[in-house]
């Protein structure tokens, strides 16, 4: 099986990247013959450095942007030319390889249809074209929730090809001592509400900040509660968001990106 893993070389792989890593690990643990498909990279992290288990990797001759556009517009190169001998292709994001083999696609959400204003015109055009291809080319469409399945049906995808498979969660054992050490290092003396994600408009961080201001202004028992924001900076810059962060002062802790152990 060929699995598209190029998302892991994006500047911010996000939740889709975690999904790919965990799925690859699970498949390898079950001795499923799986190989990764990527674009051409120069001076990039190794597969192991981006979290992938030991598995065969095959790369296109094209860099990411050219590869994605060529797949969507020209139908080339075919996945089976990148990975000879493959019998099934899994597109783990909207990057759909051209292929004559059975194609499974994971559709994490249809956010670009629900809120197109949070995406660039180029992004919306790309997602729309990918959705057209999913509708006509995919043998199976994997979605993480019934809500996304309903969105897919509303968008014209045949329900018979939809499979609701919730994303798995890997729990990590954490000791009380590790928790206390982390809290001390980060200055987290009070209880807190945790938000984690990429700071971009569609995540509605502004709505969370406004809600937290209302909470501490209107409820006396919120005096011992902080807000912790975890994650790398994304695109978008909001003056109101900055003003609220300043207003909240030391009640908000911005950690930046954490590794998986710290996040646990």
C-alpha atoms as a PDB file:
ATOM      1  CA  UNK A   1       0.000   0.000   0.000  1.00  0.00           C
ATOM      2  CA  UNK A   2       1.200   3.477  -0.803  1.00  0.00           C
ATOM      3  CA  UNK A   3       0.420   6.196   1.751  1.00  0.00           C
ATOM      4  CA  UNK A   4       0.874   9.893   0.957  1.00  0.00           C
ATOM      5  CA  UNK A   5       2.942  11.301   3.838  1.00  0.00           C
ATOM      6  CA  UNK A   6       4.064  14.625   2.347  1.00  0.00           C
ATOM      7  CA  UNK A   7       2.059  16.591   4.940  1.00  0.00           C
ATOM      8  CA  UNK A   8       4.792  15.815   7.474  1.00  0.00           C
ATOM      9  CA  UNK A   9       7.213  18.106   5.626  1.00  0.00           C
ATOM     10  CA  UNK A  10       4.858  21.086   5.796  1.00  0.00           C
ATOM     11  CA  UNK A  11       6.046  23.910   8.104  1.00  0.00           C
ATOM     12  CA  UNK A  12       3.147  23.050  10.450  1.00  0.00           C
ATOM     13  CA  UNK A  13       1.998  19.433   9.889  1.00  0.00           C
ATOM     14  CA  UNK A  14      -0.857  19.917  12.351  1.00  0.00           C
ATOM     15  CA  UNK A  15      -3.390  17.301  13.334  1.00  0.00           C
ATOM     16  CA  UNK A  16      -3.220  15.718   9.887  1.00  0.00           C
ATOM     17  CA  UNK A  17       0.463  15.102  10.458  1.00  0.00           C
ATOM     18  CA  UNK A  18      -0.222  13.382  13.771  1.00  0.00           C
ATOM     19  CA  UNK A  19      -2.864  11.247  12.053  1.00  0.00           C
ATOM     20  CA  UNK A  20      -0.372  10.142   9.384  1.00  0.00           C
ATOM     21  CA  UNK A  21       2.346   9.280  11.895  1.00  0.00           C
ATOM     22  CA  UNK A  22       0.040   7.306  14.169  1.00  0.00           C
ATOM     23  CA  UNK A  23      -1.603   5.475  11.256  1.00  0.00           C
ATOM     24  CA  UNK A  24       1.775   4.532   9.808  1.00  0.00           C
ATOM     25  CA  UNK A  25       2.948   3.226  13.190  1.00  0.00           C
ATOM     26  CA  UNK A  26      -0.234   1.181  13.632  1.00  0.00           C
ATOM     27  CA  UNK A  27      -0.001  -0.328  10.153  1.00  0.00           C
ATOM     28  CA  UNK A  28       3.655  -1.225  10.594  1.00  0.00           C
ATOM     29  CA  UNK A  29       2.901  -2.790  13.998  1.00  0.00           C
ATOM     30  CA  UNK A  30       0.346  -4.992  12.247  1.00  0.00           C
ATOM     31  CA  UNK A  31       2.927  -5.880   9.583  1.00  0.00           C
ATOM     32  CA  UNK A  32       0.908  -4.257   6.802  1.00  0.00           C
ATOM     33  CA  UNK A  33       3.202  -3.661   3.806  1.00  0.00           C
ATOM     34  CA  UNK A  34       3.059   0.120   3.521  1.00  0.00           C
ATOM     35  CA  UNK A  35       5.370   2.631   1.863  1.00  0.00           C
ATOM     36  CA  UNK A  36       5.356   6.414   2.050  1.00  0.00           C
ATOM     37  CA  UNK A  37       4.935   8.691  -0.982  1.00  0.00           C
ATOM     38  CA  UNK A  38       6.454  12.174  -0.863  1.00  0.00           C
ATOM     39  CA  UNK A  39       7.454  15.064  -3.074  1.00  0.00           C
ATOM     40  CA  UNK A  40      11.092  15.820  -3.881  1.00  0.00           C
ATOM     41  CA  UNK A  41      12.992  17.380  -0.956  1.00  0.00           C
ATOM     42  CA  UNK A  42      16.367  19.016  -0.641  1.00  0.00           C
ATOM     43  CA  UNK A  43      18.072  19.448   2.730  1.00  0.00           C
ATOM     44  CA  UNK A  44      14.881  18.391   4.516  1.00  0.00           C
ATOM     45  CA  UNK A  45      14.382  16.394   7.733  1.00  0.00           C
ATOM     46  CA  UNK A  46      14.554  12.624   7.393  1.00  0.00           C
ATOM     47  CA  UNK A  47      11.417  10.459   7.674  1.00  0.00           C
ATOM     48  CA  UNK A  48      12.481   9.442  11.180  1.00  0.00           C
ATOM     49  CA  UNK A  49      12.949  13.095  12.172  1.00  0.00           C
ATOM     50  CA  UNK A  50       9.348  13.893  11.186  1.00  0.00           C
ATOM     51  CA  UNK A  51       8.096  10.966  13.271  1.00  0.00           C
ATOM     52  CA  UNK A  52       7.573   8.162  10.777  1.00  0.00           C
ATOM     53  CA  UNK A  53       8.422   4.573  11.700  1.00  0.00           C
ATOM     54  CA  UNK A  54      10.928   2.575   9.700  1.00  0.00           C
ATOM     55  CA  UNK A  55       9.209   2.036   6.326  1.00  0.00           C
ATOM     56  CA  UNK A  56      10.061   2.238   2.634  1.00  0.00           C
ATOM     57  CA  UNK A  57       9.819   5.724   1.131  1.00  0.00           C
ATOM     58  CA  UNK A  58       9.453   6.766  -2.508  1.00  0.00           C
ATOM     59  CA  UNK A  59       9.651  10.330  -3.812  1.00  0.00           C
ATOM     60  CA  UNK A  60       8.390  12.073  -6.906  1.00  0.00           C
ATOM     61  CA  UNK A  61      10.806  14.053  -9.066  1.00  0.00           C
ATOM     62  CA  UNK A  62       8.612  17.138  -8.454  1.00  0.00           C
ATOM     63  CA  UNK A  63       8.644  19.435  -5.405  1.00  0.00           C
ATOM     64  CA  UNK A  64       5.453  19.686  -3.349  1.00  0.00           C
ATOM     65  CA  UNK A  65       3.621  22.573  -5.021  1.00  0.00           C
ATOM     66  CA  UNK A  66       4.348  21.325  -8.535  1.00  0.00           C
ATOM     67  CA  UNK A  67       3.432  17.759  -7.592  1.00  0.00           C
ATOM     68  CA  UNK A  68       0.092  18.705  -6.050  1.00  0.00           C
ATOM     69  CA  UNK A  69      -0.858  20.906  -9.009  1.00  0.00           C
ATOM     70  CA  UNK A  70       0.242  18.266 -11.503  1.00  0.00           C
ATOM     71  CA  UNK A  71      -1.845  15.622  -9.727  1.00  0.00           C
ATOM     72  CA  UNK A  72      -4.907  17.867  -9.736  1.00  0.00           C
ATOM     73  CA  UNK A  73      -4.584  19.402 -13.211  1.00  0.00           C
ATOM     74  CA  UNK A  74      -2.687  16.899 -15.356  1.00  0.00           C
ATOM     75  CA  UNK A  75      -3.300  13.564 -13.663  1.00  0.00           C
ATOM     76  CA  UNK A  76       0.460  12.939 -13.538  1.00  0.00           C
ATOM     77  CA  UNK A  77       2.632  11.408 -12.243  1.00  0.00           C
ATOM     78  CA  UNK A  78       0.646   8.321 -11.335  1.00  0.00           C
ATOM     79  CA  UNK A  79       1.248   6.941  -7.879  1.00  0.00           C
ATOM     80  CA  UNK A  80       2.141   3.544  -9.299  1.00  0.00           C
ATOM     81  CA  UNK A  81       4.992   5.132 -11.269  1.00  0.00           C
ATOM     82  CA  UNK A  82       6.376   6.577  -8.021  1.00  0.00           C
ATOM     83  CA  UNK A  83       5.756   3.340  -6.119  1.00  0.00           C
ATOM     84  CA  UNK A  84       5.890   0.367  -8.528  1.00  0.00           C
ATOM     85  CA  UNK A  85       4.109  -2.703  -7.213  1.00  0.00           C
ATOM     86  CA  UNK A  86       1.573  -0.826  -5.098  1.00  0.00           C
ATOM     87  CA  UNK A  87      -1.914  -2.323  -5.014  1.00  0.00           C
ATOM     88  CA  UNK A  88      -3.735   0.398  -3.051  1.00  0.00           C
ATOM     89  CA  UNK A  89      -3.169   4.121  -2.537  1.00  0.00           C
ATOM     90  CA  UNK A  90      -4.212   6.075   0.555  1.00  0.00           C
ATOM     91  CA  UNK A  91      -4.435   9.859   0.291  1.00  0.00           C
ATOM     92  CA  UNK A  92      -4.253  10.969   3.922  1.00  0.00           C
ATOM     93  CA  UNK A  93      -5.080  14.640   3.184  1.00  0.00           C
ATOM     94  CA  UNK A  94      -6.384  16.629   0.203  1.00  0.00           C
ATOM     95  CA  UNK A  95      -3.193  15.723  -1.702  1.00  0.00           C
ATOM     96  CA  UNK A  96      -4.703  13.095  -4.010  1.00  0.00           C
ATOM     97  CA  UNK A  97      -2.287  11.207  -6.251  1.00  0.00           C
ATOM     98  CA  UNK A  98      -3.302  10.434  -9.782  1.00  0.00           C
ATOM     99  CA  UNK A  99      -3.727   6.666  -9.980  1.00  0.00           C
ATOM    100  CA  UNK A 100      -5.552   3.843 -11.713  1.00  0.00           C
ATOM    101  CA  UNK A 101      -5.309   1.777  -8.509  1.00  0.00           C
ATOM    102  CA  UNK A 102      -8.026   1.644  -5.835  1.00  0.00           C
ATOM    103  CA  UNK A 103      -7.864   4.957  -3.976  1.00  0.00           C
ATOM    104  CA  UNK A 104      -8.815   5.525  -0.335  1.00  0.00           C
ATOM    105  CA  UNK A 105      -9.010   9.140   0.839  1.00  0.00           C
ATOM    106  CA  UNK A 106      -9.250  10.530   4.351  1.00  0.00           C
ATOM    107  CA  UNK A 107     -11.422  13.647   4.464  1.00  0.00           C
ATOM    108  CA  UNK A 108     -10.788  15.205   7.862  1.00  0.00           C
ATOM    109  CA  UNK A 109     -13.363  17.959   7.368  1.00  0.00           C
ATOM    110  CA  UNK A 110     -14.997  20.225   4.799  1.00  0.00           C
ATOM    111  CA  UNK A 111     -14.131  23.431   6.638  1.00  0.00           C
ATOM    112  CA  UNK A 112     -13.393  25.244   3.384  1.00  0.00           C
ATOM    113  CA  UNK A 113     -17.059  24.860   2.398  1.00  0.00           C
ATOM    114  CA  UNK A 114     -18.393  25.862   5.808  1.00  0.00           C
ATOM    115  CA  UNK A 115     -16.147  28.937   6.210  1.00  0.00           C
ATOM    116  CA  UNK A 116     -14.362  29.777   2.922  1.00  0.00           C
ATOM    117  CA  UNK A 117     -13.418  33.205   4.277  1.00  0.00           C
ATOM    118  CA  UNK A 118     -10.829  31.554   6.510  1.00  0.00           C
ATOM    119  CA  UNK A 119      -8.873  30.193   3.533  1.00  0.00           C
ATOM    120  CA  UNK A 120      -7.024  31.820   0.668  1.00  0.00           C
ATOM    121  CA  UNK A 121      -8.641  31.915  -2.805  1.00  0.00           C
ATOM    122  CA  UNK A 122      -5.904  29.594  -4.042  1.00  0.00           C
ATOM    123  CA  UNK A 123      -6.523  27.215  -1.148  1.00  0.00           C
ATOM    124  CA  UNK A 124     -10.272  27.167  -1.741  1.00  0.00           C
ATOM    125  CA  UNK A 125      -9.752  26.465  -5.444  1.00  0.00           C
ATOM    126  CA  UNK A 126      -7.369  23.617  -4.638  1.00  0.00           C
ATOM    127  CA  UNK A 127      -9.690  22.073  -2.045  1.00  0.00           C
ATOM    128  CA  UNK A 128     -12.671  22.361  -4.402  1.00  0.00           C
ATOM    129  CA  UNK A 129     -10.804  20.577  -7.178  1.00  0.00           C
ATOM    130  CA  UNK A 130      -9.666  17.887  -4.733  1.00  0.00           C
ATOM    131  CA  UNK A 131     -13.258  17.410  -3.563  1.00  0.00           C
ATOM    132  CA  UNK A 132     -14.366  16.930  -7.167  1.00  0.00           C
ATOM    133  CA  UNK A 133     -11.710  14.265  -7.558  1.00  0.00           C
ATOM    134  CA  UNK A 134     -12.694  12.543  -4.308  1.00  0.00           C
ATOM    135  CA  UNK A 135     -16.281  12.417  -5.540  1.00  0.00           C
ATOM    136  CA  UNK A 136     -15.368  10.832  -8.878  1.00  0.00           C
ATOM    137  CA  UNK A 137     -12.187   8.860  -8.160  1.00  0.00           C
ATOM    138  CA  UNK A 138     -12.134   7.561  -4.578  1.00  0.00           C
ATOM    139  CA  UNK A 139     -13.119   3.960  -3.950  1.00  0.00           C
ATOM    140  CA  UNK A 140     -13.451   4.609  -0.204  1.00  0.00           C
ATOM    141  CA  UNK A 141     -13.670   7.836   1.790  1.00  0.00           C
ATOM    142  CA  UNK A 142     -12.635   7.732   5.461  1.00  0.00           C
ATOM    143  CA  UNK A 143     -14.068  10.429   7.744  1.00  0.00           C
ATOM    144  CA  UNK A 144     -13.438  10.881  11.485  1.00  0.00           C
ATOM    145  CA  UNK A 145     -17.024  11.690  12.481  1.00  0.00           C
ATOM    146  CA  UNK A 146     -20.653  11.419  11.437  1.00  0.00           C
ATOM    147  CA  UNK A 147     -20.691  15.217  11.161  1.00  0.00           C
ATOM    148  CA  UNK A 148     -18.047  15.113   8.428  1.00  0.00           C
ATOM    149  CA  UNK A 149     -19.862  12.178   6.789  1.00  0.00           C
ATOM    150  CA  UNK A 150     -23.039  14.293   6.672  1.00  0.00           C
ATOM    151  CA  UNK A 151     -21.084  17.191   5.156  1.00  0.00           C
ATOM    152  CA  UNK A 152     -19.668  14.847   2.503  1.00  0.00           C
ATOM    153  CA  UNK A 153     -23.131  13.543   1.603  1.00  0.00           C
ATOM    154  CA  UNK A 154     -24.413  17.114   1.344  1.00  0.00           C
ATOM    155  CA  UNK A 155     -21.484  17.862  -0.985  1.00  0.00           C
ATOM    156  CA  UNK A 156     -22.536  15.033  -3.315  1.00  0.00           C
ATOM    157  CA  UNK A 157     -20.430  12.082  -2.172  1.00  0.00           C
ATOM    158  CA  UNK A 158     -22.122   8.693  -2.310  1.00  0.00           C
ATOM    159  CA  UNK A 159     -22.869   7.530   1.239  1.00  0.00           C
ATOM    160  CA  UNK A 160     -22.053   3.933   0.290  1.00  0.00           C
ATOM    161  CA  UNK A 161     -18.375   4.875  -0.078  1.00  0.00           C
ATOM    162  CA  UNK A 162     -18.128   6.632   3.295  1.00  0.00           C
ATOM    163  CA  UNK A 163     -16.580   4.962   6.338  1.00  0.00           C
ATOM    164  CA  UNK A 164     -16.727   6.713   9.724  1.00  0.00           C
ATOM    165  CA  UNK A 165     -13.498   5.783  11.510  1.00  0.00           C
ATOM    166  CA  UNK A 166     -12.710   8.073  14.471  1.00  0.00           C
ATOM    167  CA  UNK A 167      -9.117   9.217  14.718  1.00  0.00           C
ATOM    168  CA  UNK A 168      -7.226   7.157  17.277  1.00  0.00           C
ATOM    169  CA  UNK A 169      -5.732   8.685  20.403  1.00  0.00           C
ATOM    170  CA  UNK A 170      -2.444   7.484  21.874  1.00  0.00           C
ATOM    171  CA  UNK A 171      -2.293   8.151  25.611  1.00  0.00           C
ATOM    172  CA  UNK A 172       1.008   8.711  27.381  1.00  0.00           C
ATOM    173  CA  UNK A 173       1.793   7.802  30.962  1.00  0.00           C
ATOM    174  CA  UNK A 174       2.659  10.909  32.970  1.00  0.00           C
ATOM    175  CA  UNK A 175       3.713  10.936  36.628  1.00  0.00           C
ATOM    176  CA  UNK A 176       2.633  13.483  39.219  1.00  0.00           C
ATOM    177  CA  UNK A 177       6.262  14.545  39.496  1.00  0.00           C
ATOM    178  CA  UNK A 178       6.442  15.301  35.760  1.00  0.00           C
ATOM    179  CA  UNK A 179       3.260  17.352  35.960  1.00  0.00           C
ATOM    180  CA  UNK A 180       4.526  19.384  38.920  1.00  0.00           C
ATOM    181  CA  UNK A 181       7.903  19.924  37.258  1.00  0.00           C
ATOM    182  CA  UNK A 182       6.270  21.165  34.057  1.00  0.00           C
ATOM    183  CA  UNK A 183       3.897  23.490  35.935  1.00  0.00           C
ATOM    184  CA  UNK A 184       6.770  24.942  37.940  1.00  0.00           C
ATOM    185  CA  UNK A 185       8.908  25.489  34.858  1.00  0.00           C
ATOM    186  CA  UNK A 186       6.051  27.221  33.022  1.00  0.00           C
ATOM    187  CA  UNK A 187       4.830  29.240  35.979  1.00  0.00           C
ATOM    188  CA  UNK A 188       1.441  27.521  36.075  1.00  0.00           C
ATOM    189  CA  UNK A 189       0.519  27.904  39.733  1.00  0.00           C
ATOM    190  CA  UNK A 190      -3.252  28.037  39.200  1.00  0.00           C
ATOM    191  CA  UNK A 191      -5.741  25.727  37.509  1.00  0.00           C
ATOM    192  CA  UNK A 192      -6.110  26.471  33.811  1.00  0.00           C
ATOM    193  CA  UNK A 193      -8.101  26.037  30.645  1.00  0.00           C
ATOM    194  CA  UNK A 194      -5.911  24.554  27.889  1.00  0.00           C
ATOM    195  CA  UNK A 195      -6.168  25.442  24.194  1.00  0.00           C
ATOM    196  CA  UNK A 196      -3.922  23.763  21.654  1.00  0.00           C
ATOM    197  CA  UNK A 197      -3.757  24.272  17.923  1.00  0.00           C
ATOM    198  CA  UNK A 198      -2.356  26.417  15.147  1.00  0.00           C
ATOM    199  CA  UNK A 199      -3.069  30.090  15.701  1.00  0.00           C
ATOM    200  CA  UNK A 200      -5.016  30.885  12.550  1.00  0.00           C
ATOM    201  CA  UNK A 201      -8.396  32.593  12.029  1.00  0.00           C
ATOM    202  CA  UNK A 202     -10.505  29.480  11.523  1.00  0.00           C
ATOM    203  CA  UNK A 203      -9.542  28.175  14.976  1.00  0.00           C
ATOM    204  CA  UNK A 204     -11.478  31.103  16.522  1.00  0.00           C
ATOM    205  CA  UNK A 205      -8.935  31.904  19.199  1.00  0.00           C
ATOM    206  CA  UNK A 206     -10.493  35.375  19.351  1.00  0.00           C
ATOM    207  CA  UNK A 207     -13.791  33.840  20.473  1.00  0.00           C
ATOM    208  CA  UNK A 208     -11.992  31.942  23.239  1.00  0.00           C
ATOM    209  CA  UNK A 209     -10.208  35.068  24.475  1.00  0.00           C
ATOM    210  CA  UNK A 210     -13.478  37.027  24.559  1.00  0.00           C
ATOM    211  CA  UNK A 211     -15.157  34.203  26.469  1.00  0.00           C
ATOM    212  CA  UNK A 212     -12.326  34.062  28.984  1.00  0.00           C
ATOM    213  CA  UNK A 213     -12.572  37.829  29.579  1.00  0.00           C
ATOM    214  CA  UNK A 214     -16.304  37.440  30.270  1.00  0.00           C
ATOM    215  CA  UNK A 215     -15.598  34.527  32.600  1.00  0.00           C
ATOM    216  CA  UNK A 216     -13.140  36.348  34.834  1.00  0.00           C
ATOM    217  CA  UNK A 217     -15.096  39.640  34.714  1.00  0.00           C
ATOM    218  CA  UNK A 218     -18.468  38.153  35.616  1.00  0.00           C
ATOM    219  CA  UNK A 219     -17.669  35.190  37.875  1.00  0.00           C
ATOM    220  CA  UNK A 220     -15.936  35.653  41.207  1.00  0.00           C
ATOM    221  CA  UNK A 221     -14.903  31.992  41.364  1.00  0.00           C
ATOM    222  CA  UNK A 222     -12.806  32.352  38.174  1.00  0.00           C
ATOM    223  CA  UNK A 223     -10.111  34.283  40.019  1.00  0.00           C
ATOM    224  CA  UNK A 224      -7.904  31.214  40.342  1.00  0.00           C
ATOM    225  CA  UNK A 225      -8.178  30.151  36.702  1.00  0.00           C
ATOM    226  CA  UNK A 226      -5.687  30.854  33.915  1.00  0.00           C
ATOM    227  CA  UNK A 227      -5.719  30.282  30.163  1.00  0.00           C
ATOM    228  CA  UNK A 228      -2.863  28.353  28.518  1.00  0.00           C
ATOM    229  CA  UNK A 229      -2.361  28.655  24.751  1.00  0.00           C
ATOM    230  CA  UNK A 230      -0.214  25.953  23.165  1.00  0.00           C
ATOM    231  CA  UNK A 231       0.849  25.776  19.545  1.00  0.00           C
ATOM    232  CA  UNK A 232       2.901  27.390  16.803  1.00  0.00           C
ATOM    233  CA  UNK A 233       1.923  30.714  15.301  1.00  0.00           C
ATOM    234  CA  UNK A 234      -0.110  30.367  12.128  1.00  0.00           C
ATOM    235  CA  UNK A 235      -1.078  32.850   9.448  1.00  0.00           C
ATOM    236  CA  UNK A 236      -3.296  35.784  10.302  1.00  0.00           C
ATOM    237  CA  UNK A 237      -2.817  38.722  12.643  1.00  0.00           C
ATOM    238  CA  UNK A 238      -5.642  40.215  14.669  1.00  0.00           C
ATOM    239  CA  UNK A 239      -5.310  43.536  16.501  1.00  0.00           C
ATOM    240  CA  UNK A 240      -8.284  42.740  18.763  1.00  0.00           C
ATOM    241  CA  UNK A 241      -6.643  39.437  19.720  1.00  0.00           C
ATOM    242  CA  UNK A 242      -3.443  41.252  20.679  1.00  0.00           C
ATOM    243  CA  UNK A 243      -5.408  43.795  22.750  1.00  0.00           C
ATOM    244  CA  UNK A 244      -7.205  41.034  24.648  1.00  0.00           C
ATOM    245  CA  UNK A 245      -3.942  39.211  25.346  1.00  0.00           C
ATOM    246  CA  UNK A 246      -2.491  42.443  26.751  1.00  0.00           C
ATOM    247  CA  UNK A 247      -5.620  43.064  28.829  1.00  0.00           C
ATOM    248  CA  UNK A 248      -5.515  39.571  30.330  1.00  0.00           C
ATOM    249  CA  UNK A 249      -1.857  39.952  31.272  1.00  0.00           C
ATOM    250  CA  UNK A 250      -0.448  37.132  33.402  1.00  0.00           C
ATOM    251  CA  UNK A 251      -3.758  35.244  33.291  1.00  0.00           C
ATOM    252  CA  UNK A 252      -2.743  33.976  29.830  1.00  0.00           C
ATOM    253  CA  UNK A 253       0.310  31.783  29.223  1.00  0.00           C
ATOM    254  CA  UNK A 254       1.514  31.412  25.630  1.00  0.00           C
ATOM    255  CA  UNK A 255       3.874  28.440  25.461  1.00  0.00           C
ATOM    256  CA  UNK A 256       4.593  28.150  21.750  1.00  0.00           C
ATOM    257  CA  UNK A 257       4.828  24.692  20.283  1.00  0.00           C
ATOM    258  CA  UNK A 258       5.409  21.796  22.686  1.00  0.00           C
ATOM    259  CA  UNK A 259       6.714  18.367  21.888  1.00  0.00           C
ATOM    260  CA  UNK A 260       4.410  15.394  22.490  1.00  0.00           C
ATOM    261  CA  UNK A 261       5.857  14.557  25.911  1.00  0.00           C
ATOM    262  CA  UNK A 262       5.436  18.134  27.152  1.00  0.00           C
ATOM    263  CA  UNK A 263       1.918  18.306  25.760  1.00  0.00           C
ATOM    264  CA  UNK A 264       0.976  15.098  27.563  1.00  0.00           C
END
